[in-house]
Amino acid sequence: MAADAVLELRQQCLKRGAAGIKGLGRTFRIMDDDGSKSLNFQEFEKGLENYGVSVGKDKAHQIFAMMDKDGSRTINFDEFLEKLRPPMSSARRQVIDQAFQKFDKTGDGVVTIEDLQGVYNSKHHPKYKSGEWTEEQVFRSFLENFDSPYDKDGKVTLEEFVNYYSGVSASVDSDEYFITMMKNAWKL
């Protein structure tokens, strides 16, 4: 059954930690040579293989067919990643969006080092205190938490942020606890 295959793929991604689903999304972007934001089956299968998740050819076909809603023999990988994320309540999604808006000081939909200046205090970071790292290195290290391990571009999109927190959300049972955690972490 295709839904079981999607669940198996989700579990394999989540085993990689909070950034597992985001990392698969980054891999798919790399496979998307023409920039169409969609993948044919060969690109999809190669992306799964390159990311190191294995569901087998039959299940990959089932997943692909389930996601190819319009019969175009391609899947939009943003929609695919949305379906791959563990279900999340609207309250959780709302607090994630609020945190991203606070994070994105320039309001351009992408968080960069410039957004962190004056928001994230690097002066208390141990490597900054010891003189090992500059402020920019501390900021870059912070952004890497949300950025994909396979394509570090130093920029965090809302999609990457949501993908990261969907992994965190999957490990927290209570909406109340998740929301409190987010509010405390981001001072919302």
N, C-alpha and C. Protein backbone atom coordinates (compact mmCIF):
# COMPACT_ATOMS: atom_id res chain seq x y z
N MET A 1 0.85 -1.19 0.00
CA MET A 1 0.00 0.00 0.00
C MET A 1 0.89 1.25 0.00
N ALA A 2 0.55 2.23 -0.83
CA ALA A 2 1.37 3.43 -0.99
C ALA A 2 1.51 4.23 0.30
N ALA A 3 0.45 4.33 1.09
CA ALA A 3 0.52 5.09 2.35
C ALA A 3 1.54 4.47 3.30
N ASP A 4 1.61 3.14 3.33
CA ASP A 4 2.61 2.45 4.16
C ASP A 4 4.02 2.74 3.67
N ALA A 5 4.19 2.80 2.36
CA ALA A 5 5.51 3.10 1.78
C ALA A 5 5.94 4.52 2.15
N VAL A 6 5.00 5.47 2.12
CA VAL A 6 5.31 6.85 2.52
C VAL A 6 5.69 6.89 4.00
N LEU A 7 4.95 6.15 4.82
CA LEU A 7 5.26 6.09 6.25
C LEU A 7 6.66 5.51 6.49
N GLU A 8 7.01 4.47 5.74
CA GLU A 8 8.35 3.87 5.87
C GLU A 8 9.43 4.88 5.48
N LEU A 9 9.21 5.60 4.39
CA LEU A 9 10.17 6.62 3.95
C LEU A 9 10.28 7.73 5.00
N ARG A 10 9.15 8.17 5.56
CA ARG A 10 9.14 9.20 6.60
C ARG A 10 9.99 8.74 7.79
N GLN A 11 9.77 7.49 8.22
CA GLN A 11 10.52 6.96 9.37
C GLN A 11 12.02 6.93 9.10
N GLN A 12 12.41 6.54 7.88
CA GLN A 12 13.83 6.52 7.54
C GLN A 12 14.43 7.93 7.58
N CYS A 13 13.67 8.90 7.11
CA CYS A 13 14.16 10.29 7.16
C CYS A 13 14.26 10.79 8.60
N LEU A 14 13.26 10.49 9.42
CA LEU A 14 13.25 10.97 10.80
C LEU A 14 14.35 10.31 11.64
N LYS A 15 14.79 9.13 11.25
CA LYS A 15 15.90 8.48 11.95
C LYS A 15 17.18 9.30 11.82
N ARG A 16 17.23 10.16 10.83
CA ARG A 16 18.40 11.02 10.61
C ARG A 16 18.36 12.26 11.50
N GLY A 17 17.33 12.37 12.31
CA GLY A 17 17.22 13.51 13.22
C GLY A 17 16.29 14.57 12.69
N ALA A 18 16.28 15.70 13.37
CA ALA A 18 15.33 16.78 13.06
C ALA A 18 15.46 17.29 11.63
N ALA A 19 16.64 17.20 11.04
CA ALA A 19 16.85 17.74 9.69
C ALA A 19 16.70 16.69 8.59
N GLY A 20 16.21 15.49 8.92
CA GLY A 20 16.14 14.40 7.95
C GLY A 20 15.28 14.70 6.74
N ILE A 21 14.08 15.22 6.94
CA ILE A 21 13.18 15.51 5.82
C ILE A 21 13.72 16.69 5.02
N LYS A 22 14.25 17.68 5.73
CA LYS A 22 14.82 18.85 5.06
C LYS A 22 15.99 18.44 4.16
N GLY A 23 16.79 17.50 4.63
CA GLY A 23 17.93 17.02 3.85
C GLY A 23 17.49 16.33 2.57
N LEU A 24 16.41 15.57 2.64
CA LEU A 24 15.88 14.92 1.43
C LEU A 24 15.40 15.99 0.45
N GLY A 25 14.76 17.02 0.96
CA GLY A 25 14.31 18.12 0.09
C GLY A 25 15.48 18.79 -0.62
N ARG A 26 16.57 18.98 0.10
CA ARG A 26 17.77 19.59 -0.49
C ARG A 26 18.35 18.69 -1.58
N THR A 27 18.36 17.39 -1.31
CA THR A 27 18.85 16.43 -2.30
C THR A 27 17.99 16.50 -3.56
N PHE A 28 16.67 16.58 -3.39
CA PHE A 28 15.79 16.67 -4.55
C PHE A 28 16.06 17.94 -5.35
N ARG A 29 16.31 19.05 -4.66
CA ARG A 29 16.61 20.30 -5.37
C ARG A 29 17.86 20.14 -6.24
N ILE A 30 18.84 19.43 -5.71
CA ILE A 30 20.07 19.20 -6.46
C ILE A 30 19.79 18.33 -7.69
N MET A 31 18.88 17.36 -7.56
CA MET A 31 18.55 16.45 -8.67
C MET A 31 17.74 17.18 -9.75
N ASP A 32 17.11 18.30 -9.40
CA ASP A 32 16.23 19.03 -10.31
C ASP A 32 17.05 19.90 -11.26
N ASP A 33 17.62 19.27 -12.27
CA ASP A 33 18.54 19.96 -13.17
C ASP A 33 17.89 21.11 -13.95
N ASP A 34 16.63 20.97 -14.31
CA ASP A 34 15.99 22.00 -15.13
C ASP A 34 15.29 23.08 -14.31
N GLY A 35 15.34 22.97 -12.99
CA GLY A 35 14.74 24.00 -12.13
C GLY A 35 13.22 23.99 -12.13
N SER A 36 12.60 22.90 -12.54
CA SER A 36 11.15 22.83 -12.65
C SER A 36 10.44 22.61 -11.31
N LYS A 37 11.21 22.34 -10.25
CA LYS A 37 10.67 22.02 -8.93
C LYS A 37 9.82 20.76 -8.96
N SER A 38 10.12 19.90 -9.94
CA SER A 38 9.45 18.61 -10.01
C SER A 38 10.47 17.57 -10.47
N LEU A 39 10.14 16.33 -10.19
CA LEU A 39 11.04 15.24 -10.53
C LEU A 39 10.29 14.17 -11.31
N ASN A 40 10.97 13.59 -12.31
CA ASN A 40 10.42 12.39 -12.93
C ASN A 40 10.84 11.20 -12.07
N PHE A 41 10.39 10.00 -12.44
CA PHE A 41 10.66 8.85 -11.57
C PHE A 41 12.16 8.58 -11.43
N GLN A 42 12.90 8.71 -12.54
CA GLN A 42 14.34 8.43 -12.46
C GLN A 42 15.04 9.40 -11.52
N GLU A 43 14.69 10.69 -11.58
CA GLU A 43 15.28 11.69 -10.68
C GLU A 43 14.87 11.40 -9.23
N PHE A 44 13.61 11.02 -9.04
CA PHE A 44 13.10 10.70 -7.71
C PHE A 44 13.87 9.51 -7.12
N GLU A 45 13.99 8.46 -7.90
CA GLU A 45 14.68 7.26 -7.44
C GLU A 45 16.16 7.55 -7.15
N LYS A 46 16.78 8.32 -8.03
CA LYS A 46 18.19 8.67 -7.83
C LYS A 46 18.35 9.56 -6.58
N GLY A 47 17.41 10.46 -6.34
CA GLY A 47 17.45 11.31 -5.16
C GLY A 47 17.35 10.50 -3.88
N LEU A 48 16.46 9.52 -3.86
CA LEU A 48 16.33 8.65 -2.69
C LEU A 48 17.64 7.90 -2.45
N GLU A 49 18.20 7.39 -3.54
CA GLU A 49 19.45 6.63 -3.45
C GLU A 49 20.60 7.52 -2.96
N ASN A 50 20.72 8.71 -3.54
CA ASN A 50 21.80 9.63 -3.15
C ASN A 50 21.67 10.06 -1.69
N TYR A 51 20.45 10.17 -1.22
CA TYR A 51 20.23 10.56 0.17
C TYR A 51 20.44 9.38 1.12
N GLY A 52 20.45 8.18 0.55
CA GLY A 52 20.73 7.00 1.36
C GLY A 52 19.51 6.42 2.04
N VAL A 53 18.32 6.66 1.48
CA VAL A 53 17.12 6.01 1.99
C VAL A 53 16.69 4.96 0.98
N SER A 54 16.30 3.81 1.47
CA SER A 54 15.99 2.70 0.60
C SER A 54 14.62 2.15 0.92
N VAL A 55 13.73 2.21 -0.06
CA VAL A 55 12.40 1.63 0.11
C VAL A 55 12.16 0.54 -0.93
N GLY A 56 13.09 0.35 -1.84
CA GLY A 56 12.93 -0.63 -2.91
C GLY A 56 12.18 -0.03 -4.08
N LYS A 57 12.41 -0.60 -5.25
CA LYS A 57 11.84 -0.05 -6.49
C LYS A 57 10.31 -0.08 -6.49
N ASP A 58 9.71 -1.19 -6.00
CA ASP A 58 8.24 -1.29 -5.99
C ASP A 58 7.61 -0.21 -5.12
N LYS A 59 8.15 -0.03 -3.91
CA LYS A 59 7.59 0.99 -3.01
C LYS A 59 7.87 2.39 -3.55
N ALA A 60 9.02 2.58 -4.16
CA ALA A 60 9.32 3.89 -4.77
C ALA A 60 8.29 4.20 -5.85
N HIS A 61 7.94 3.19 -6.66
CA HIS A 61 6.90 3.38 -7.69
C HIS A 61 5.55 3.70 -7.05
N GLN A 62 5.22 3.01 -5.96
CA GLN A 62 3.95 3.27 -5.27
C GLN A 62 3.89 4.70 -4.74
N ILE A 63 4.98 5.12 -4.10
CA ILE A 63 5.04 6.48 -3.56
C ILE A 63 4.91 7.49 -4.69
N PHE A 64 5.67 7.27 -5.75
CA PHE A 64 5.67 8.20 -6.88
C PHE A 64 4.27 8.30 -7.49
N ALA A 65 3.63 7.14 -7.71
CA ALA A 65 2.29 7.13 -8.32
C ALA A 65 1.28 7.85 -7.42
N MET A 66 1.40 7.66 -6.11
CA MET A 66 0.49 8.32 -5.17
C MET A 66 0.66 9.84 -5.21
N MET A 67 1.89 10.29 -5.39
CA MET A 67 2.17 11.73 -5.38
C MET A 67 1.90 12.40 -6.73
N ASP A 68 1.90 11.62 -7.81
CA ASP A 68 1.66 12.17 -9.15
C ASP A 68 0.16 12.30 -9.38
N LYS A 69 -0.41 13.31 -8.75
CA LYS A 69 -1.87 13.50 -8.75
C LYS A 69 -2.46 13.75 -10.14
N ASP A 70 -1.71 14.49 -10.97
CA ASP A 70 -2.27 14.87 -12.27
C ASP A 70 -1.87 13.93 -13.40
N GLY A 71 -1.14 12.86 -13.09
CA GLY A 71 -0.76 11.89 -14.11
C GLY A 71 0.29 12.40 -15.08
N SER A 72 1.03 13.43 -14.70
CA SER A 72 2.02 14.04 -15.58
C SER A 72 3.35 13.27 -15.61
N ARG A 73 3.43 12.23 -14.81
CA ARG A 73 4.66 11.43 -14.64
C ARG A 73 5.79 12.25 -14.03
N THR A 74 5.39 13.29 -13.28
CA THR A 74 6.35 14.06 -12.47
C THR A 74 5.67 14.35 -11.14
N ILE A 75 6.50 14.62 -10.11
CA ILE A 75 5.94 15.03 -8.83
C ILE A 75 6.58 16.35 -8.42
N ASN A 76 5.76 17.22 -7.90
CA ASN A 76 6.23 18.48 -7.35
C ASN A 76 6.86 18.17 -6.01
N PHE A 77 8.17 18.45 -5.84
CA PHE A 77 8.79 17.98 -4.61
C PHE A 77 8.43 18.80 -3.40
N ASP A 78 7.94 20.02 -3.54
CA ASP A 78 7.45 20.75 -2.37
C ASP A 78 6.20 20.06 -1.81
N GLU A 79 5.29 19.67 -2.73
CA GLU A 79 4.09 18.95 -2.30
C GLU A 79 4.46 17.59 -1.71
N PHE A 80 5.44 16.93 -2.32
CA PHE A 80 5.88 15.63 -1.82
C PHE A 80 6.41 15.77 -0.39
N LEU A 81 7.26 16.77 -0.16
CA LEU A 81 7.84 16.95 1.18
C LEU A 81 6.77 17.30 2.20
N GLU A 82 5.75 18.07 1.77
CA GLU A 82 4.64 18.38 2.66
C GLU A 82 3.93 17.12 3.11
N LYS A 83 3.71 16.20 2.17
CA LYS A 83 3.04 14.94 2.50
C LYS A 83 3.95 14.01 3.30
N LEU A 84 5.25 14.16 3.14
CA LEU A 84 6.20 13.32 3.86
C LEU A 84 6.34 13.75 5.32
N ARG A 85 6.17 15.03 5.57
CA ARG A 85 6.27 15.52 6.96
C ARG A 85 5.25 14.83 7.84
N PRO A 86 5.61 14.58 9.09
CA PRO A 86 4.61 14.03 10.01
C PRO A 86 3.47 15.04 10.17
N PRO A 87 2.25 14.55 10.37
CA PRO A 87 1.13 15.48 10.55
C PRO A 87 1.42 16.43 11.72
N MET A 88 1.03 17.68 11.53
CA MET A 88 1.29 18.70 12.55
C MET A 88 0.03 19.54 12.72
N SER A 89 -0.33 19.82 13.95
CA SER A 89 -1.52 20.62 14.21
C SER A 89 -1.31 22.05 13.70
N SER A 90 -2.41 22.74 13.46
CA SER A 90 -2.31 24.13 12.99
C SER A 90 -1.68 25.01 14.07
N ALA A 91 -1.88 24.68 15.34
CA ALA A 91 -1.28 25.47 16.43
C ALA A 91 0.25 25.35 16.38
N ARG A 92 0.75 24.15 16.10
CA ARG A 92 2.21 23.97 15.99
C ARG A 92 2.74 24.74 14.78
N ARG A 93 2.05 24.61 13.66
CA ARG A 93 2.50 25.30 12.45
C ARG A 93 2.50 26.81 12.66
N GLN A 94 1.50 27.31 13.35
CA GLN A 94 1.39 28.75 13.60
C GLN A 94 2.59 29.26 14.43
N VAL A 95 2.98 28.53 15.46
CA VAL A 95 4.09 28.98 16.29
C VAL A 95 5.42 28.86 15.53
N ILE A 96 5.52 27.88 14.64
CA ILE A 96 6.72 27.77 13.79
C ILE A 96 6.80 28.97 12.86
N ASP A 97 5.67 29.34 12.25
CA ASP A 97 5.63 30.51 11.37
C ASP A 97 6.00 31.79 12.12
N GLN A 98 5.50 31.93 13.36
CA GLN A 98 5.82 33.11 14.18
C GLN A 98 7.32 33.18 14.46
N ALA A 99 7.90 32.04 14.78
CA ALA A 99 9.34 32.01 15.06
C ALA A 99 10.13 32.40 13.82
N PHE A 100 9.71 31.90 12.65
CA PHE A 100 10.43 32.24 11.42
C PHE A 100 10.33 33.74 11.14
N GLN A 101 9.15 34.31 11.33
CA GLN A 101 8.98 35.75 11.09
C GLN A 101 9.89 36.56 12.00
N LYS A 102 10.05 36.12 13.23
CA LYS A 102 10.94 36.82 14.15
C LYS A 102 12.39 36.67 13.70
N PHE A 103 12.71 35.49 13.24
CA PHE A 103 14.05 35.14 12.76
C PHE A 103 14.40 35.94 11.50
N ASP A 104 13.42 36.14 10.61
CA ASP A 104 13.62 36.81 9.31
C ASP A 104 13.44 38.32 9.48
N LYS A 105 14.45 38.98 10.02
CA LYS A 105 14.37 40.41 10.31
C LYS A 105 14.11 41.27 9.08
N THR A 106 14.69 40.87 7.94
CA THR A 106 14.52 41.68 6.72
C THR A 106 13.17 41.44 6.05
N GLY A 107 12.49 40.36 6.42
CA GLY A 107 11.16 40.08 5.87
C GLY A 107 11.17 39.61 4.44
N ASP A 108 12.32 39.11 3.96
CA ASP A 108 12.40 38.68 2.56
C ASP A 108 12.14 37.18 2.36
N GLY A 109 11.78 36.48 3.44
CA GLY A 109 11.46 35.06 3.33
C GLY A 109 12.66 34.14 3.40
N VAL A 110 13.84 34.71 3.61
CA VAL A 110 15.07 33.92 3.71
C VAL A 110 15.87 34.48 4.88
N VAL A 111 16.33 33.60 5.77
CA VAL A 111 17.13 34.04 6.89
C VAL A 111 18.61 33.88 6.53
N THR A 112 19.35 34.98 6.71
CA THR A 112 20.78 34.99 6.41
C THR A 112 21.54 35.53 7.62
N ILE A 113 22.83 35.61 7.49
CA ILE A 113 23.67 36.17 8.57
C ILE A 113 23.21 37.58 8.92
N GLU A 114 22.82 38.35 7.92
CA GLU A 114 22.37 39.73 8.16
C GLU A 114 21.16 39.77 9.09
N ASP A 115 20.27 38.78 8.95
CA ASP A 115 19.09 38.72 9.82
C ASP A 115 19.47 38.45 11.27
N LEU A 116 20.56 37.74 11.47
CA LEU A 116 20.97 37.38 12.83
C LEU A 116 21.64 38.51 13.58
N GLN A 117 22.24 39.45 12.85
CA GLN A 117 22.94 40.54 13.51
C GLN A 117 21.96 41.36 14.34
N GLY A 118 22.28 41.53 15.60
CA GLY A 118 21.42 42.28 16.50
C GLY A 118 20.28 41.46 17.09
N VAL A 119 20.12 40.20 16.62
CA VAL A 119 19.05 39.34 17.12
C VAL A 119 19.65 38.19 17.93
N TYR A 120 20.66 37.57 17.35
CA TYR A 120 21.32 36.44 17.99
C TYR A 120 22.63 36.94 18.58
N ASN A 121 22.80 36.78 19.87
CA ASN A 121 23.99 37.29 20.55
C ASN A 121 25.11 36.25 20.50
N SER A 122 26.11 36.51 19.69
CA SER A 122 27.21 35.57 19.52
C SER A 122 28.26 35.71 20.62
N LYS A 123 28.21 36.78 21.37
CA LYS A 123 29.25 37.09 22.35
C LYS A 123 29.37 36.03 23.46
N HIS A 124 28.29 35.26 23.69
CA HIS A 124 28.32 34.25 24.74
C HIS A 124 28.72 32.88 24.23
N HIS A 125 28.87 32.75 22.91
CA HIS A 125 29.25 31.45 22.35
C HIS A 125 30.68 31.11 22.80
N PRO A 126 30.92 29.89 23.28
CA PRO A 126 32.25 29.53 23.80
C PRO A 126 33.39 29.73 22.80
N LYS A 127 33.12 29.44 21.53
CA LYS A 127 34.20 29.58 20.53
C LYS A 127 34.46 31.05 20.20
N TYR A 128 33.45 31.91 20.36
CA TYR A 128 33.67 33.35 20.18
C TYR A 128 34.46 33.88 21.37
N LYS A 129 34.06 33.46 22.56
CA LYS A 129 34.74 33.90 23.78
C LYS A 129 36.23 33.51 23.77
N SER A 130 36.53 32.33 23.26
CA SER A 130 37.92 31.86 23.25
C SER A 130 38.73 32.47 22.12
N GLY A 131 38.05 33.16 21.19
CA GLY A 131 38.75 33.77 20.06
C GLY A 131 38.92 32.83 18.87
N GLU A 132 38.39 31.60 18.99
CA GLU A 132 38.49 30.63 17.91
C GLU A 132 37.68 31.05 16.68
N TRP A 133 36.48 31.60 16.93
CA TRP A 133 35.57 31.96 15.85
C TRP A 133 35.27 33.45 15.87
N THR A 134 34.98 33.97 14.67
CA THR A 134 34.48 35.33 14.54
C THR A 134 32.97 35.31 14.76
N GLU A 135 32.38 36.49 14.86
CA GLU A 135 30.92 36.57 14.99
C GLU A 135 30.25 35.91 13.78
N GLU A 136 30.79 36.13 12.58
CA GLU A 136 30.20 35.54 11.38
C GLU A 136 30.26 34.01 11.43
N GLN A 137 31.34 33.45 11.94
CA GLN A 137 31.43 31.99 12.06
C GLN A 137 30.39 31.44 13.04
N VAL A 138 30.13 32.16 14.11
CA VAL A 138 29.11 31.75 15.07
C VAL A 138 27.73 31.78 14.40
N PHE A 139 27.45 32.86 13.66
CA PHE A 139 26.17 32.97 12.95
C PHE A 139 26.01 31.83 11.93
N ARG A 140 27.06 31.57 11.17
CA ARG A 140 27.01 30.52 10.15
C ARG A 140 26.74 29.16 10.81
N SER A 141 27.39 28.91 11.93
CA SER A 141 27.19 27.66 12.66
C SER A 141 25.73 27.53 13.12
N PHE A 142 25.15 28.64 13.59
CA PHE A 142 23.76 28.64 14.03
C PHE A 142 22.83 28.32 12.86
N LEU A 143 23.04 28.96 11.71
CA LEU A 143 22.19 28.72 10.54
C LEU A 143 22.30 27.28 10.05
N GLU A 144 23.47 26.67 10.21
CA GLU A 144 23.67 25.30 9.75
C GLU A 144 22.76 24.31 10.47
N ASN A 145 22.25 24.68 11.64
CA ASN A 145 21.29 23.81 12.32
C ASN A 145 20.05 23.58 11.48
N PHE A 146 19.66 24.59 10.71
CA PHE A 146 18.43 24.53 9.93
C PHE A 146 18.72 24.22 8.47
N ASP A 147 19.92 24.51 8.02
CA ASP A 147 20.32 24.29 6.64
C ASP A 147 20.57 22.80 6.42
N SER A 148 20.50 22.37 5.19
CA SER A 148 20.71 20.96 4.87
C SER A 148 22.18 20.59 5.02
N PRO A 149 22.45 19.39 5.54
CA PRO A 149 23.85 18.97 5.67
C PRO A 149 24.51 18.71 4.32
N TYR A 150 23.72 18.61 3.25
CA TYR A 150 24.28 18.26 1.95
C TYR A 150 24.49 19.44 1.03
N ASP A 151 23.98 20.60 1.40
CA ASP A 151 24.13 21.78 0.55
C ASP A 151 24.05 23.01 1.43
N LYS A 152 25.13 23.29 2.12
CA LYS A 152 25.15 24.43 3.05
C LYS A 152 25.27 25.72 2.25
N ASP A 153 24.19 26.49 2.20
CA ASP A 153 24.25 27.75 1.46
C ASP A 153 24.18 28.96 2.38
N GLY A 154 24.09 28.73 3.70
CA GLY A 154 24.06 29.83 4.65
C GLY A 154 22.76 30.61 4.65
N LYS A 155 21.72 30.04 4.01
CA LYS A 155 20.41 30.68 3.96
C LYS A 155 19.37 29.67 4.41
N VAL A 156 18.38 30.15 5.15
CA VAL A 156 17.32 29.28 5.64
C VAL A 156 15.99 29.81 5.14
N THR A 157 15.27 28.98 4.38
CA THR A 157 13.95 29.35 3.89
C THR A 157 12.90 28.88 4.89
N LEU A 158 11.68 29.39 4.74
CA LEU A 158 10.58 28.95 5.60
C LEU A 158 10.40 27.44 5.46
N GLU A 159 10.50 26.92 4.24
CA GLU A 159 10.33 25.49 4.02
C GLU A 159 11.37 24.69 4.81
N GLU A 160 12.64 25.13 4.77
CA GLU A 160 13.69 24.43 5.53
C GLU A 160 13.40 24.51 7.03
N PHE A 161 12.94 25.66 7.48
CA PHE A 161 12.64 25.86 8.89
C PHE A 161 11.50 24.94 9.33
N VAL A 162 10.44 24.88 8.51
CA VAL A 162 9.30 24.01 8.81
C VAL A 162 9.73 22.55 8.75
N ASN A 163 10.53 22.18 7.75
CA ASN A 163 11.00 20.80 7.65
C ASN A 163 11.82 20.42 8.88
N TYR A 164 12.67 21.33 9.33
CA TYR A 164 13.47 21.08 10.53
C TYR A 164 12.54 20.85 11.73
N TYR A 165 11.61 21.77 11.94
CA TYR A 165 10.74 21.67 13.11
C TYR A 165 9.70 20.56 12.98
N SER A 166 9.42 20.08 11.77
CA SER A 166 8.52 18.93 11.66
C SER A 166 9.21 17.70 12.25
N GLY A 167 10.53 17.62 12.10
CA GLY A 167 11.28 16.54 12.73
C GLY A 167 11.26 16.65 14.24
N VAL A 168 11.41 17.88 14.75
CA VAL A 168 11.34 18.10 16.20
C VAL A 168 9.93 17.79 16.68
N SER A 169 8.93 18.27 15.95
CA SER A 169 7.53 18.08 16.33
C SER A 169 7.18 16.60 16.44
N ALA A 170 7.75 15.78 15.56
CA ALA A 170 7.44 14.35 15.56
C ALA A 170 7.86 13.68 16.87
N SER A 171 8.80 14.28 17.58
CA SER A 171 9.28 13.67 18.82
C SER A 171 8.62 14.26 20.07
N VAL A 172 7.67 15.18 19.88
CA VAL A 172 6.99 15.82 21.02
C VAL A 172 5.51 15.49 20.95
N ASP A 173 5.01 14.78 21.95
CA ASP A 173 3.62 14.32 21.93
C ASP A 173 2.59 15.43 22.11
N SER A 174 2.85 16.35 23.01
CA SER A 174 1.86 17.34 23.40
C SER A 174 2.01 18.65 22.62
N ASP A 175 0.90 19.13 22.06
CA ASP A 175 0.90 20.45 21.41
C ASP A 175 1.33 21.52 22.40
N GLU A 176 0.78 21.43 23.60
CA GLU A 176 1.07 22.44 24.63
C GLU A 176 2.57 22.50 24.92
N TYR A 177 3.19 21.35 25.07
CA TYR A 177 4.63 21.32 25.36
C TYR A 177 5.43 21.87 24.17
N PHE A 178 5.06 21.47 22.94
CA PHE A 178 5.77 21.95 21.75
C PHE A 178 5.67 23.47 21.64
N ILE A 179 4.49 24.00 21.84
CA ILE A 179 4.27 25.44 21.72
C ILE A 179 5.05 26.19 22.80
N THR A 180 5.02 25.67 24.02
CA THR A 180 5.79 26.29 25.11
C THR A 180 7.29 26.27 24.79
N MET A 181 7.76 25.14 24.28
CA MET A 181 9.16 25.00 23.91
C MET A 181 9.54 26.04 22.85
N MET A 182 8.72 26.18 21.83
CA MET A 182 8.99 27.14 20.75
C MET A 182 8.96 28.58 21.28
N LYS A 183 7.97 28.90 22.09
CA LYS A 183 7.85 30.26 22.64
C LYS A 183 9.04 30.60 23.50
N ASN A 184 9.51 29.64 24.31
CA ASN A 184 10.68 29.88 25.14
C ASN A 184 11.94 30.00 24.31
N ALA A 185 12.10 29.13 23.35
CA ALA A 185 13.31 29.13 22.52
C ALA A 185 13.43 30.41 21.69
N TRP A 186 12.31 30.90 21.18
CA TRP A 186 12.34 32.06 20.28
C TRP A 186 11.85 33.35 20.95
N LYS A 187 11.56 33.28 22.24
CA LYS A 187 11.08 34.45 22.99
C LYS A 187 9.89 35.11 22.30
N LEU A 188 8.88 34.29 22.02
CA LEU A 188 7.67 34.77 21.33
C LEU A 188 6.65 35.28 22.33
